[in-house]
mmCIF file of all heavy atoms, coordinates in Angstrom:
data_MODEL
# 
_entry.id   MODEL 
# 
loop_
_atom_site.group_PDB 
_atom_site.id 
_atom_site.type_symbol 
_atom_site.label_atom_id 
_atom_site.label_alt_id 
_atom_site.label_comp_id 
_atom_site.label_asym_id 
_atom_site.label_entity_id 
_atom_site.label_seq_id 
_atom_site.pdbx_PDB_ins_code 
_atom_site.Cartn_x 
_atom_site.Cartn_y 
_atom_site.Cartn_z 
_atom_site.occupancy 
_atom_site.B_iso_or_equiv 
_atom_site.pdbx_formal_charge 
_atom_site.auth_seq_id 
_atom_site.auth_comp_id 
_atom_site.auth_asym_id 
_atom_site.auth_atom_id 
_atom_site.pdbx_PDB_model_num 
ATOM 1   N N   . ALA A 1 1  ? 0.837   -1.219  -0.018 1.00 0.00 ? 1  ALA A N   1 
ATOM 2   C CA  . ALA A 1 1  ? -0.002  0.011   -0.005 1.00 0.00 ? 1  ALA A CA  1 
ATOM 3   C C   . ALA A 1 1  ? 0.888   1.209   -0.043 1.00 0.00 ? 1  ALA A C   1 
ATOM 4   O O   . ALA A 1 1  ? 0.598   2.240   -0.730 1.00 0.00 ? 1  ALA A O   1 
ATOM 5   C CB  . ALA A 1 1  ? -0.905  -0.009  1.188  1.00 0.00 ? 1  ALA A CB  1 
ATOM 6   N N   . GLU A 1 2  ? 1.923   1.200   0.798  1.00 0.00 ? 2  GLU A N   1 
ATOM 7   C CA  . GLU A 1 2  ? 2.784   2.351   0.857  1.00 0.00 ? 2  GLU A CA  1 
ATOM 8   C C   . GLU A 1 2  ? 3.586   2.512   -0.407 1.00 0.00 ? 2  GLU A C   1 
ATOM 9   O O   . GLU A 1 2  ? 3.873   3.610   -0.893 1.00 0.00 ? 2  GLU A O   1 
ATOM 10  C CB  . GLU A 1 2  ? 3.717   2.245   2.010  1.00 0.00 ? 2  GLU A CB  1 
ATOM 11  C CG  . GLU A 1 2  ? 2.971   2.410   3.417  1.00 0.00 ? 2  GLU A CG  1 
ATOM 12  C CD  . GLU A 1 2  ? 3.958   2.166   4.589  1.00 0.00 ? 2  GLU A CD  1 
ATOM 13  O OE1 . GLU A 1 2  ? 4.941   1.514   4.414  1.00 0.00 ? 2  GLU A OE1 1 
ATOM 14  O OE2 . GLU A 1 2  ? 3.607   2.745   5.652  1.00 0.00 ? 2  GLU A OE2 1 
ATOM 15  N N   . GLY A 1 3  ? 4.050   1.379   -0.966 1.00 0.00 ? 3  GLY A N   1 
ATOM 16  C CA  . GLY A 1 3  ? 4.896   1.426   -2.163 1.00 0.00 ? 3  GLY A CA  1 
ATOM 17  C C   . GLY A 1 3  ? 4.201   1.813   -3.430 1.00 0.00 ? 3  GLY A C   1 
ATOM 18  O O   . GLY A 1 3  ? 4.797   2.271   -4.427 1.00 0.00 ? 3  GLY A O   1 
ATOM 19  N N   . GLU A 1 4  ? 2.859   1.525   -3.511 1.00 0.00 ? 4  GLU A N   1 
ATOM 20  C CA  . GLU A 1 4  ? 2.105   1.864   -4.707 1.00 0.00 ? 4  GLU A CA  1 
ATOM 21  C C   . GLU A 1 4  ? 1.640   3.295   -4.744 1.00 0.00 ? 4  GLU A C   1 
ATOM 22  O O   . GLU A 1 4  ? 0.935   3.697   -5.674 1.00 0.00 ? 4  GLU A O   1 
ATOM 23  C CB  . GLU A 1 4  ? 0.935   0.905   -4.831 1.00 0.00 ? 4  GLU A CB  1 
ATOM 24  C CG  . GLU A 1 4  ? 1.322   -0.501  -5.158 1.00 0.00 ? 4  GLU A CG  1 
ATOM 25  C CD  . GLU A 1 4  ? 0.064   -1.371  -5.490 1.00 0.00 ? 4  GLU A CD  1 
ATOM 26  O OE1 . GLU A 1 4  ? -1.071  -0.965  -5.088 1.00 0.00 ? 4  GLU A OE1 1 
ATOM 27  O OE2 . GLU A 1 4  ? 0.289   -2.531  -5.939 1.00 0.00 ? 4  GLU A OE2 1 
ATOM 28  N N   . GLY A 1 5  ? 2.011   4.039   -3.809 1.00 0.00 ? 5  GLY A N   1 
ATOM 29  C CA  . GLY A 1 5  ? 1.762   5.483   -3.832 1.00 0.00 ? 5  GLY A CA  1 
ATOM 30  C C   . GLY A 1 5  ? 0.413   5.956   -3.245 1.00 0.00 ? 5  GLY A C   1 
ATOM 31  O O   . GLY A 1 5  ? -0.029  7.075   -3.482 1.00 0.00 ? 5  GLY A O   1 
ATOM 32  N N   . SER A 1 6  ? -0.284  5.015   -2.549 1.00 0.00 ? 6  SER A N   1 
ATOM 33  C CA  . SER A 1 6  ? -1.565  5.361   -1.955 1.00 0.00 ? 6  SER A CA  1 
ATOM 34  C C   . SER A 1 6  ? -1.342  6.352   -0.845 1.00 0.00 ? 6  SER A C   1 
ATOM 35  O O   . SER A 1 6  ? -2.290  7.123   -0.522 1.00 0.00 ? 6  SER A O   1 
ATOM 36  C CB  . SER A 1 6  ? -2.290  4.109   -1.480 1.00 0.00 ? 6  SER A CB  1 
ATOM 37  O OG  . SER A 1 6  ? -1.561  3.445   -0.481 1.00 0.00 ? 6  SER A OG  1 
ATOM 38  N N   . GLY A 1 7  ? -0.197  6.314   -0.165 1.00 0.00 ? 7  GLY A N   1 
ATOM 39  C CA  . GLY A 1 7  ? 0.112   7.339   0.849  1.00 0.00 ? 7  GLY A CA  1 
ATOM 40  C C   . GLY A 1 7  ? -0.171  6.855   2.229  1.00 0.00 ? 7  GLY A C   1 
ATOM 41  O O   . GLY A 1 7  ? 0.226   7.556   3.166  1.00 0.00 ? 7  GLY A O   1 
ATOM 42  N N   . TYR A 1 8  ? -0.926  5.771   2.415  1.00 0.00 ? 8  TYR A N   1 
ATOM 43  C CA  . TYR A 1 8  ? -1.174  5.326   3.806  1.00 0.00 ? 8  TYR A CA  1 
ATOM 44  C C   . TYR A 1 8  ? -1.236  3.791   3.809  1.00 0.00 ? 8  TYR A C   1 
ATOM 45  O O   . TYR A 1 8  ? -1.776  3.149   2.944  1.00 0.00 ? 8  TYR A O   1 
ATOM 46  C CB  . TYR A 1 8  ? -2.441  5.922   4.360  1.00 0.00 ? 8  TYR A CB  1 
ATOM 47  C CG  . TYR A 1 8  ? -3.676  5.828   3.449  1.00 0.00 ? 8  TYR A CG  1 
ATOM 48  C CD1 . TYR A 1 8  ? -4.593  4.763   3.710  1.00 0.00 ? 8  TYR A CD1 1 
ATOM 49  C CD2 . TYR A 1 8  ? -3.911  6.735   2.401  1.00 0.00 ? 8  TYR A CD2 1 
ATOM 50  C CE1 . TYR A 1 8  ? -5.701  4.713   2.855  1.00 0.00 ? 8  TYR A CE1 1 
ATOM 51  C CE2 . TYR A 1 8  ? -4.956  6.554   1.608  1.00 0.00 ? 8  TYR A CE2 1 
ATOM 52  C CZ  . TYR A 1 8  ? -5.920  5.596   1.815  1.00 0.00 ? 8  TYR A CZ  1 
ATOM 53  O OH  . TYR A 1 8  ? -6.998  5.490   0.965  1.00 0.00 ? 8  TYR A OH  1 
ATOM 54  N N   . PRO A 1 9  ? -0.792  3.171   4.914  1.00 0.00 ? 9  PRO A N   1 
ATOM 55  C CA  . PRO A 1 9  ? -0.614  1.700   4.974  1.00 0.00 ? 9  PRO A CA  1 
ATOM 56  C C   . PRO A 1 9  ? -1.985  0.965   5.087  1.00 0.00 ? 9  PRO A C   1 
ATOM 57  O O   . PRO A 1 9  ? -2.068  -0.221  4.871  1.00 0.00 ? 9  PRO A O   1 
ATOM 58  C CB  . PRO A 1 9  ? 0.249   1.473   6.196  1.00 0.00 ? 9  PRO A CB  1 
ATOM 59  C CG  . PRO A 1 9  ? 0.033   2.713   7.066  1.00 0.00 ? 9  PRO A CG  1 
ATOM 60  C CD  . PRO A 1 9  ? -0.191  3.808   6.061  1.00 0.00 ? 9  PRO A CD  1 
ATOM 61  N N   . THR A 1 10 ? -3.034  1.685   5.472  1.00 0.00 ? 10 THR A N   1 
ATOM 62  C CA  . THR A 1 10 ? -4.287  0.997   5.685  1.00 0.00 ? 10 THR A CA  1 
ATOM 63  C C   . THR A 1 10 ? -5.201  1.021   4.400  1.00 0.00 ? 10 THR A C   1 
ATOM 64  O O   . THR A 1 10 ? -6.393  0.677   4.475  1.00 0.00 ? 10 THR A O   1 
ATOM 65  C CB  . THR A 1 10 ? -5.070  1.626   6.825  1.00 0.00 ? 10 THR A CB  1 
ATOM 66  O OG1 . THR A 1 10 ? -5.251  3.081   6.473  1.00 0.00 ? 10 THR A OG1 1 
ATOM 67  C CG2 . THR A 1 10 ? -4.354  1.516   8.175  1.00 0.00 ? 10 THR A CG2 1 
ATOM 68  N N   . TYR A 1 11 ? -4.667  1.358   3.297  1.00 0.00 ? 11 TYR A N   1 
ATOM 69  C CA  . TYR A 1 11 ? -5.398  1.419   2.012  1.00 0.00 ? 11 TYR A CA  1 
ATOM 70  C C   . TYR A 1 11 ? -6.160  0.157   1.761  1.00 0.00 ? 11 TYR A C   1 
ATOM 71  O O   . TYR A 1 11 ? -7.343  0.079   1.522  1.00 0.00 ? 11 TYR A O   1 
ATOM 72  C CB  . TYR A 1 11 ? -4.434  1.810   0.866  1.00 0.00 ? 11 TYR A CB  1 
ATOM 73  C CG  . TYR A 1 11 ? -5.075  1.790   -0.526 1.00 0.00 ? 11 TYR A CG  1 
ATOM 74  C CD1 . TYR A 1 11 ? -5.881  2.813   -0.923 1.00 0.00 ? 11 TYR A CD1 1 
ATOM 75  C CD2 . TYR A 1 11 ? -4.959  0.714   -1.339 1.00 0.00 ? 11 TYR A CD2 1 
ATOM 76  C CE1 . TYR A 1 11 ? -6.532  2.854   -2.131 1.00 0.00 ? 11 TYR A CE1 1 
ATOM 77  C CE2 . TYR A 1 11 ? -5.566  0.615   -2.641 1.00 0.00 ? 11 TYR A CE2 1 
ATOM 78  C CZ  . TYR A 1 11 ? -6.359  1.754   -3.006 1.00 0.00 ? 11 TYR A CZ  1 
ATOM 79  O OH  . TYR A 1 11 ? -6.978  1.778   -4.204 1.00 0.00 ? 11 TYR A OH  1 
ATOM 80  N N   . PHE A 1 12 ? -5.434  -0.957  1.714  1.00 0.00 ? 12 PHE A N   1 
ATOM 81  C CA  . PHE A 1 12 ? -6.076  -2.273  1.404  1.00 0.00 ? 12 PHE A CA  1 
ATOM 82  C C   . PHE A 1 12 ? -6.963  -2.715  2.566  1.00 0.00 ? 12 PHE A C   1 
ATOM 83  O O   . PHE A 1 12 ? -7.923  -3.394  2.386  1.00 0.00 ? 12 PHE A O   1 
ATOM 84  C CB  . PHE A 1 12 ? -5.055  -3.318  1.060  1.00 0.00 ? 12 PHE A CB  1 
ATOM 85  C CG  . PHE A 1 12 ? -4.383  -3.070  -0.252 1.00 0.00 ? 12 PHE A CG  1 
ATOM 86  C CD1 . PHE A 1 12 ? -3.102  -2.594  -0.380 1.00 0.00 ? 12 PHE A CD1 1 
ATOM 87  C CD2 . PHE A 1 12 ? -4.995  -3.401  -1.470 1.00 0.00 ? 12 PHE A CD2 1 
ATOM 88  C CE1 . PHE A 1 12 ? -2.479  -2.418  -1.570 1.00 0.00 ? 12 PHE A CE1 1 
ATOM 89  C CE2 . PHE A 1 12 ? -4.481  -3.153  -2.664 1.00 0.00 ? 12 PHE A CE2 1 
ATOM 90  C CZ  . PHE A 1 12 ? -3.200  -2.568  -2.754 1.00 0.00 ? 12 PHE A CZ  1 
ATOM 91  N N   . LEU A 1 13 ? -6.586  -2.449  3.828  1.00 0.00 ? 13 LEU A N   1 
ATOM 92  C CA  . LEU A 1 13 ? -7.314  -2.831  4.981  1.00 0.00 ? 13 LEU A CA  1 
ATOM 93  C C   . LEU A 1 13 ? -8.802  -2.220  4.905  1.00 0.00 ? 13 LEU A C   1 
ATOM 94  O O   . LEU A 1 13 ? -9.757  -2.912  5.100  1.00 0.00 ? 13 LEU A O   1 
ATOM 95  C CB  . LEU A 1 13 ? -6.634  -2.435  6.272  1.00 0.00 ? 13 LEU A CB  1 
ATOM 96  C CG  . LEU A 1 13 ? -7.457  -2.603  7.539  1.00 0.00 ? 13 LEU A CG  1 
ATOM 97  C CD1 . LEU A 1 13 ? -7.810  -4.062  7.808  1.00 0.00 ? 13 LEU A CD1 1 
ATOM 98  C CD2 . LEU A 1 13 ? -6.808  -1.909  8.712  1.00 0.00 ? 13 LEU A CD2 1 
ATOM 99  N N   . ILE A 1 14 ? -8.807  -0.913  4.658  1.00 0.00 ? 14 ILE A N   1 
ATOM 100 C CA  . ILE A 1 14 ? -10.099 -0.228  4.551  1.00 0.00 ? 14 ILE A CA  1 
ATOM 101 C C   . ILE A 1 14 ? -10.962 -0.763  3.439  1.00 0.00 ? 14 ILE A C   1 
ATOM 102 O O   . ILE A 1 14 ? -12.162 -1.086  3.597  1.00 0.00 ? 14 ILE A O   1 
ATOM 103 C CB  . ILE A 1 14 ? -9.887  1.311   4.381  1.00 0.00 ? 14 ILE A CB  1 
ATOM 104 C CG1 . ILE A 1 14 ? -9.170  1.945   5.563  1.00 0.00 ? 14 ILE A CG1 1 
ATOM 105 C CG2 . ILE A 1 14 ? -11.248 2.008   4.043  1.00 0.00 ? 14 ILE A CG2 1 
ATOM 106 C CD1 . ILE A 1 14 ? -8.802  3.351   5.379  1.00 0.00 ? 14 ILE A CD1 1 
ATOM 107 N N   . ARG A 1 15 ? -10.413 -1.007  2.278  1.00 0.00 ? 15 ARG A N   1 
ATOM 108 C CA  . ARG A 1 15 ? -11.132 -1.539  1.149  1.00 0.00 ? 15 ARG A CA  1 
ATOM 109 C C   . ARG A 1 15 ? -11.597 -2.929  1.435  1.00 0.00 ? 15 ARG A C   1 
ATOM 110 O O   . ARG A 1 15 ? -12.713 -3.341  1.118  1.00 0.00 ? 15 ARG A O   1 
ATOM 111 C CB  . ARG A 1 15 ? -10.266 -1.548  -0.106 1.00 0.00 ? 15 ARG A CB  1 
ATOM 112 C CG  . ARG A 1 15 ? -9.940  -0.171  -0.649 1.00 0.00 ? 15 ARG A CG  1 
ATOM 113 C CD  . ARG A 1 15 ? -9.032  -0.170  -1.820 1.00 0.00 ? 15 ARG A CD  1 
ATOM 114 N NE  . ARG A 1 15 ? -9.702  -0.814  -2.985 1.00 0.00 ? 15 ARG A NE  1 
ATOM 115 C CZ  . ARG A 1 15 ? -10.509 -0.098  -3.888 1.00 0.00 ? 15 ARG A CZ  1 
ATOM 116 N NH1 . ARG A 1 15 ? -10.634 1.181   -3.748 1.00 0.00 ? 15 ARG A NH1 1 
ATOM 117 N NH2 . ARG A 1 15 ? -11.035 -0.711  -4.902 1.00 0.00 ? 15 ARG A NH2 1 
ATOM 118 N N   . HIS A 1 16 ? -10.805 -3.784  2.060  1.00 0.00 ? 16 HIS A N   1 
ATOM 119 C CA  . HIS A 1 16 ? -11.106 -5.150  2.385  1.00 0.00 ? 16 HIS A CA  1 
ATOM 120 C C   . HIS A 1 16 ? -12.312 -5.173  3.415  1.00 0.00 ? 16 HIS A C   1 
ATOM 121 O O   . HIS A 1 16 ? -13.177 -5.964  3.371  1.00 0.00 ? 16 HIS A O   1 
ATOM 122 C CB  . HIS A 1 16 ? -9.882  -5.967  2.833  1.00 0.00 ? 16 HIS A CB  1 
ATOM 123 C CG  . HIS A 1 16 ? -10.215 -7.415  3.005  1.00 0.00 ? 16 HIS A CG  1 
ATOM 124 N ND1 . HIS A 1 16 ? -10.336 -8.211  1.851  1.00 0.00 ? 16 HIS A ND1 1 
ATOM 125 C CD2 . HIS A 1 16 ? -10.227 -8.256  4.075  1.00 0.00 ? 16 HIS A CD2 1 
ATOM 126 C CE1 . HIS A 1 16 ? -10.537 -9.445  2.272  1.00 0.00 ? 16 HIS A CE1 1 
ATOM 127 N NE2 . HIS A 1 16 ? -10.443 -9.489  3.554  1.00 0.00 ? 16 HIS A NE2 1 
ATOM 128 N N   . ALA A 1 17 ? -12.158 -4.304  4.466  1.00 0.00 ? 17 ALA A N   1 
ATOM 129 C CA  . ALA A 1 17 ? -13.227 -4.248  5.422  1.00 0.00 ? 17 ALA A CA  1 
ATOM 130 C C   . ALA A 1 17 ? -14.537 -3.855  4.827  1.00 0.00 ? 17 ALA A C   1 
ATOM 131 O O   . ALA A 1 17 ? -15.529 -4.418  5.248  1.00 0.00 ? 17 ALA A O   1 
ATOM 132 C CB  . ALA A 1 17 ? -12.784 -3.225  6.498  1.00 0.00 ? 17 ALA A CB  1 
ATOM 133 N N   . ALA A 1 18 ? -14.455 -2.998  3.822  1.00 0.00 ? 18 ALA A N   1 
ATOM 134 C CA  . ALA A 1 18 ? -15.680 -2.520  3.085  1.00 0.00 ? 18 ALA A CA  1 
ATOM 135 C C   . ALA A 1 18 ? -16.207 -3.751  2.331  1.00 0.00 ? 18 ALA A C   1 
ATOM 136 O O   . ALA A 1 18 ? -17.451 -3.904  2.245  1.00 0.00 ? 18 ALA A O   1 
ATOM 137 C CB  . ALA A 1 18 ? -15.385 -1.359  2.173  1.00 0.00 ? 18 ALA A CB  1 
ATOM 138 N N   . TYR A 1 19 ? -15.442 -4.534  1.702  1.00 0.00 ? 19 TYR A N   1 
ATOM 139 C CA  . TYR A 1 19 ? -15.895 -5.697  0.997  1.00 0.00 ? 19 TYR A CA  1 
ATOM 140 C C   . TYR A 1 19 ? -16.513 -6.755  1.918  1.00 0.00 ? 19 TYR A C   1 
ATOM 141 O O   . TYR A 1 19 ? -17.551 -7.384  1.630  1.00 0.00 ? 19 TYR A O   1 
ATOM 142 C CB  . TYR A 1 19 ? -14.649 -6.394  0.262  1.00 0.00 ? 19 TYR A CB  1 
ATOM 143 C CG  . TYR A 1 19 ? -14.014 -5.574  -0.768 1.00 0.00 ? 19 TYR A CG  1 
ATOM 144 C CD1 . TYR A 1 19 ? -12.681 -5.710  -1.141 1.00 0.00 ? 19 TYR A CD1 1 
ATOM 145 C CD2 . TYR A 1 19 ? -14.814 -4.641  -1.563 1.00 0.00 ? 19 TYR A CD2 1 
ATOM 146 C CE1 . TYR A 1 19 ? -12.050 -4.938  -2.167 1.00 0.00 ? 19 TYR A CE1 1 
ATOM 147 C CE2 . TYR A 1 19 ? -14.239 -3.883  -2.498 1.00 0.00 ? 19 TYR A CE2 1 
ATOM 148 C CZ  . TYR A 1 19 ? -12.837 -4.002  -2.761 1.00 0.00 ? 19 TYR A CZ  1 
ATOM 149 O OH  . TYR A 1 19 ? -12.263 -3.271  -3.763 1.00 0.00 ? 19 TYR A OH  1 
ATOM 150 N N   . VAL A 1 20 ? -15.881 -6.926  3.068  1.00 0.00 ? 20 VAL A N   1 
ATOM 151 C CA  . VAL A 1 20 ? -16.489 -7.913  4.066  1.00 0.00 ? 20 VAL A CA  1 
ATOM 152 C C   . VAL A 1 20 ? -17.826 -7.347  4.522  1.00 0.00 ? 20 VAL A C   1 
ATOM 153 O O   . VAL A 1 20 ? -18.831 -8.173  4.703  1.00 0.00 ? 20 VAL A O   1 
ATOM 154 C CB  . VAL A 1 20 ? -15.504 -8.034  5.299  1.00 0.00 ? 20 VAL A CB  1 
ATOM 155 C CG1 . VAL A 1 20 ? -16.193 -8.803  6.390  1.00 0.00 ? 20 VAL A CG1 1 
ATOM 156 C CG2 . VAL A 1 20 ? -14.204 -8.721  4.849  1.00 0.00 ? 20 VAL A CG2 1 
ATOM 157 N N   . ALA A 1 21 ? -17.938 -6.068  4.818  1.00 0.00 ? 21 ALA A N   1 
ATOM 158 C CA  . ALA A 1 21 ? -19.193 -5.528  5.233  1.00 0.00 ? 21 ALA A CA  1 
ATOM 159 C C   . ALA A 1 21 ? -20.289 -5.674  4.157  1.00 0.00 ? 21 ALA A C   1 
ATOM 160 O O   . ALA A 1 21 ? -21.459 -5.987  4.384  1.00 0.00 ? 21 ALA A O   1 
ATOM 161 C CB  . ALA A 1 21 ? -19.057 -3.988  5.590  1.00 0.00 ? 21 ALA A CB  1 
ATOM 162 N N   . ALA A 1 22 ? -19.867 -5.449  2.924  1.00 0.00 ? 22 ALA A N   1 
ATOM 163 C CA  . ALA A 1 22 ? -20.823 -5.614  1.757  1.00 0.00 ? 22 ALA A CA  1 
ATOM 164 C C   . ALA A 1 22 ? -21.206 -7.081  1.619  1.00 0.00 ? 22 ALA A C   1 
ATOM 165 O O   . ALA A 1 22 ? -22.396 -7.412  1.368  1.00 0.00 ? 22 ALA A O   1 
ATOM 166 C CB  . ALA A 1 22 ? -20.161 -5.118  0.478  1.00 0.00 ? 22 ALA A CB  1 
ATOM 167 N N   . GLY A 1 23 ? -20.264 -7.964  1.822  1.00 0.00 ? 23 GLY A N   1 
ATOM 168 C CA  . GLY A 1 23 ? -20.531 -9.368  1.682  1.00 0.00 ? 23 GLY A CA  1 
ATOM 169 C C   . GLY A 1 23 ? -21.514 -9.858  2.748  1.00 0.00 ? 23 GLY A C   1 
ATOM 170 O O   . GLY A 1 23 ? -22.473 -10.633 2.554  1.00 0.00 ? 23 GLY A O   1 
ATOM 171 N N   . LEU A 1 24 ? -21.352 -9.361  4.018  1.00 0.00 ? 24 LEU A N   1 
ATOM 172 C CA  . LEU A 1 24 ? -22.259 -9.759  5.140  1.00 0.00 ? 24 LEU A CA  1 
ATOM 173 C C   . LEU A 1 24 ? -23.687 -9.250  4.857  1.00 0.00 ? 24 LEU A C   1 
ATOM 174 O O   . LEU A 1 24 ? -24.652 -9.822  5.146  1.00 0.00 ? 24 LEU A O   1 
ATOM 175 C CB  . LEU A 1 24 ? -21.703 -9.199  6.439  1.00 0.00 ? 24 LEU A CB  1 
ATOM 176 C CG  . LEU A 1 24 ? -20.397 -9.839  6.940  1.00 0.00 ? 24 LEU A CG  1 
ATOM 177 C CD1 . LEU A 1 24 ? -19.957 -9.158  8.220  1.00 0.00 ? 24 LEU A CD1 1 
ATOM 178 C CD2 . LEU A 1 24 ? -20.636 -11.358 7.142  1.00 0.00 ? 24 LEU A CD2 1 
ATOM 179 N N   . LEU A 1 25 ? -23.738 -7.931  4.294  1.00 0.00 ? 25 LEU A N   1 
ATOM 180 C CA  . LEU A 1 25 ? -25.029 -7.312  4.027  1.00 0.00 ? 25 LEU A CA  1 
ATOM 181 C C   . LEU A 1 25 ? -25.725 -8.148  2.944  1.00 0.00 ? 25 LEU A C   1 
ATOM 182 O O   . LEU A 1 25 ? -26.948 -8.462  3.050  1.00 0.00 ? 25 LEU A O   1 
ATOM 183 C CB  . LEU A 1 25 ? -24.844 -5.924  3.549  1.00 0.00 ? 25 LEU A CB  1 
ATOM 184 C CG  . LEU A 1 25 ? -26.106 -5.176  3.171  1.00 0.00 ? 25 LEU A CG  1 
ATOM 185 C CD1 . LEU A 1 25 ? -27.044 -5.062  4.352  1.00 0.00 ? 25 LEU A CD1 1 
ATOM 186 C CD2 . LEU A 1 25 ? -25.812 -3.738  2.668  1.00 0.00 ? 25 LEU A CD2 1 
ATOM 187 N N   . VAL A 1 26 ? -24.999 -8.530  1.881  1.00 0.00 ? 26 VAL A N   1 
ATOM 188 C CA  . VAL A 1 26 ? -25.560 -9.331  0.833  1.00 0.00 ? 26 VAL A CA  1 
ATOM 189 C C   . VAL A 1 26 ? -26.064 -10.674 1.374  1.00 0.00 ? 26 VAL A C   1 
ATOM 190 O O   . VAL A 1 26 ? -27.138 -11.220 1.006  1.00 0.00 ? 26 VAL A O   1 
ATOM 191 C CB  . VAL A 1 26 ? -24.548 -9.554  -0.322 1.00 0.00 ? 26 VAL A CB  1 
ATOM 192 C CG1 . VAL A 1 26 ? -25.038 -10.583 -1.319 1.00 0.00 ? 26 VAL A CG1 1 
ATOM 193 C CG2 . VAL A 1 26 ? -24.324 -8.180  -1.073 1.00 0.00 ? 26 VAL A CG2 1 
ATOM 194 N N   . ALA A 1 27 ? -25.260 -11.268 2.242  1.00 0.00 ? 27 ALA A N   1 
ATOM 195 C CA  . ALA A 1 27 ? -25.590 -12.519 2.881  1.00 0.00 ? 27 ALA A CA  1 
ATOM 196 C C   . ALA A 1 27 ? -26.935 -12.468 3.625  1.00 0.00 ? 27 ALA A C   1 
ATOM 197 O O   . ALA A 1 27 ? -27.697 -13.384 3.596  1.00 0.00 ? 27 ALA A O   1 
ATOM 198 C CB  . ALA A 1 27 ? -24.476 -13.033 3.732  1.00 0.00 ? 27 ALA A CB  1 
# 
């Protein structure tokens, strides 16, 4: 996340958490 220029280390964590939340809602 830091190396790809997003600027913060939680870039993928936030997106993944959003995916999990969406998955639980769909479920």
